Amino acid sequence: MNDSRFKKLGTAAEVVDAVGGTFKAAEIAECKPPAISNAIARGRLPSPTFLIFDAELAERGFKAPPELWGIRSPRRKRR
């Protein structure tokens, strides 16, 4: 998959800003705003919300690494 058309985000705060802020992110994640604020402070979003946010970000032209949710990316094979 070619991700070059997406703007890459590097922090939990950038993810939250990209979807419209703390209250909108809480609505998307089906949680309360303090949970999102706490996630920003930790620098890690709740892992069960990865697919939800990934889809929302893609619709908005953004991409974020799964590590922001505490999910490891697969290792790239060396050639």
C-alpha atoms as a PDB file:
ATOM      1  CA  MET A   1       0.000   0.000   0.000  1.00  0.00           C
ATOM      2  CA  ASN A   2       1.345   3.414  -0.957  1.00  0.00           C
ATOM      3  CA  ASP A   3       0.987   5.808   1.989  1.00  0.00           C
ATOM      4  CA  SER A   4       2.708   8.741   0.270  1.00  0.00           C
ATOM      5  CA  ARG A   5      -0.608  10.529  -0.251  1.00  0.00           C
ATOM      6  CA  PHE A   6      -1.191  10.662   3.507  1.00  0.00           C
ATOM      7  CA  LYS A   7       0.253  13.230   5.888  1.00  0.00           C
ATOM      8  CA  LYS A   8       2.131  11.315   8.558  1.00  0.00           C
ATOM      9  CA  LEU A   9       1.438  12.024  12.232  1.00  0.00           C
ATOM     10  CA  GLY A  10       3.957  11.254  14.961  1.00  0.00           C
ATOM     11  CA  THR A  11       2.277  11.845  18.323  1.00  0.00           C
ATOM     12  CA  ALA A  12      -0.955  11.009  20.100  1.00  0.00           C
ATOM     13  CA  ALA A  13      -1.671  14.748  20.339  1.00  0.00           C
ATOM     14  CA  GLU A  14      -1.332  15.089  16.549  1.00  0.00           C
ATOM     15  CA  VAL A  15      -3.792  12.223  16.062  1.00  0.00           C
ATOM     16  CA  VAL A  16      -6.315  13.859  18.367  1.00  0.00           C
ATOM     17  CA  ASP A  17      -5.893  17.236  16.658  1.00  0.00           C
ATOM     18  CA  ALA A  18      -6.289  15.623  13.228  1.00  0.00           C
ATOM     19  CA  VAL A  19      -9.684  14.160  14.102  1.00  0.00           C
ATOM     20  CA  GLY A  20     -11.006  17.394  15.570  1.00  0.00           C
ATOM     21  CA  GLY A  21      -9.782  17.621  19.146  1.00  0.00           C
ATOM     22  CA  THR A  22     -10.324  15.883  22.464  1.00  0.00           C
ATOM     23  CA  PHE A  23     -14.121  15.834  22.452  1.00  0.00           C
ATOM     24  CA  LYS A  24     -14.388  14.568  18.868  1.00  0.00           C
ATOM     25  CA  ALA A  25     -11.710  11.930  19.539  1.00  0.00           C
ATOM     26  CA  ALA A  26     -13.642  10.778  22.622  1.00  0.00           C
ATOM     27  CA  GLU A  27     -16.800  10.537  20.531  1.00  0.00           C
ATOM     28  CA  ILE A  28     -14.969   8.488  17.878  1.00  0.00           C
ATOM     29  CA  ALA A  29     -13.414   6.213  20.513  1.00  0.00           C
ATOM     30  CA  GLU A  30     -16.678   5.957  22.466  1.00  0.00           C
ATOM     31  CA  CYS A  31     -15.068   7.070  25.695  1.00  0.00           C
ATOM     32  CA  LYS A  32     -15.012  10.158  27.896  1.00  0.00           C
ATOM     33  CA  PRO A  33     -12.774  13.157  27.089  1.00  0.00           C
ATOM     34  CA  PRO A  34     -10.540  12.633  30.168  1.00  0.00           C
ATOM     35  CA  ALA A  35      -9.527   9.239  28.746  1.00  0.00           C
ATOM     36  CA  ILE A  36      -8.271  11.003  25.615  1.00  0.00           C
ATOM     37  CA  SER A  37      -6.497  13.684  27.671  1.00  0.00           C
ATOM     38  CA  ASN A  38      -4.800  10.963  29.709  1.00  0.00           C
ATOM     39  CA  ALA A  39      -3.771   9.159  26.521  1.00  0.00           C
ATOM     40  CA  ILE A  40      -2.180  12.351  25.195  1.00  0.00           C
ATOM     41  CA  ALA A  41      -0.297  12.802  28.480  1.00  0.00           C
ATOM     42  CA  ARG A  42       0.976   9.189  28.264  1.00  0.00           C
ATOM     43  CA  GLY A  43       1.802   9.577  24.596  1.00  0.00           C
ATOM     44  CA  ARG A  44      -0.120   6.410  23.791  1.00  0.00           C
ATOM     45  CA  LEU A  45      -3.710   5.948  22.660  1.00  0.00           C
ATOM     46  CA  PRO A  46      -5.778   2.943  23.826  1.00  0.00           C
ATOM     47  CA  SER A  47      -4.906  -0.048  21.630  1.00  0.00           C
ATOM     48  CA  PRO A  48      -8.561  -1.115  21.080  1.00  0.00           C
ATOM     49  CA  THR A  49      -9.114   2.177  19.233  1.00  0.00           C
ATOM     50  CA  PHE A  50      -6.397   1.652  16.613  1.00  0.00           C
ATOM     51  CA  LEU A  51      -8.630   0.458  13.770  1.00  0.00           C
ATOM     52  CA  ILE A  52     -11.269   3.080  14.562  1.00  0.00           C
ATOM     53  CA  PHE A  53      -8.773   5.938  14.452  1.00  0.00           C
ATOM     54  CA  ASP A  54      -6.862   4.456  11.514  1.00  0.00           C
ATOM     55  CA  ALA A  55     -10.032   4.527   9.388  1.00  0.00           C
ATOM     56  CA  GLU A  56     -10.970   8.036  10.560  1.00  0.00           C
ATOM     57  CA  LEU A  57      -7.483   9.360   9.878  1.00  0.00           C
ATOM     58  CA  ALA A  58      -7.411   7.803   6.397  1.00  0.00           C
ATOM     59  CA  GLU A  59     -10.684   9.534   5.523  1.00  0.00           C
ATOM     60  CA  ARG A  60      -9.045  12.812   6.508  1.00  0.00           C
ATOM     61  CA  GLY A  61      -5.793  12.154   4.631  1.00  0.00           C
ATOM     62  CA  PHE A  62      -3.619  11.211   7.610  1.00  0.00           C
ATOM     63  CA  LYS A  63      -1.654   8.164   8.710  1.00  0.00           C
ATOM     64  CA  ALA A  64      -0.138   7.373  12.118  1.00  0.00           C
ATOM     65  CA  PRO A  65       2.143   4.517  13.175  1.00  0.00           C
ATOM     66  CA  PRO A  66       0.567   1.721  15.226  1.00  0.00           C
ATOM     67  CA  GLU A  67       3.218   2.302  17.904  1.00  0.00           C
ATOM     68  CA  LEU A  68       1.141   5.303  19.066  1.00  0.00           C
ATOM     69  CA  TRP A  69      -1.371   2.688  20.241  1.00  0.00           C
ATOM     70  CA  GLY A  70       1.274   0.392  21.728  1.00  0.00           C
ATOM     71  CA  ILE A  71       1.122  -1.951  18.725  1.00  0.00           C
ATOM     72  CA  ARG A  72       4.374  -3.086  17.168  1.00  0.00           C
ATOM     73  CA  SER A  73       4.843  -2.831  13.426  1.00  0.00           C
ATOM     74  CA  PRO A  74       6.077  -5.910  11.585  1.00  0.00           C
ATOM     75  CA  ARG A  75       9.788  -6.022  10.934  1.00  0.00           C
ATOM     76  CA  ARG A  76      10.805  -5.192   7.406  1.00  0.00           C
ATOM     77  CA  LYS A  77      12.622  -7.964   5.620  1.00  0.00           C
ATOM     78  CA  ARG A  78      16.138  -7.227   4.473  1.00  0.00           C
ATOM     79  CA  ARG A  79      16.917  -7.890   0.841  1.00  0.00           C
END
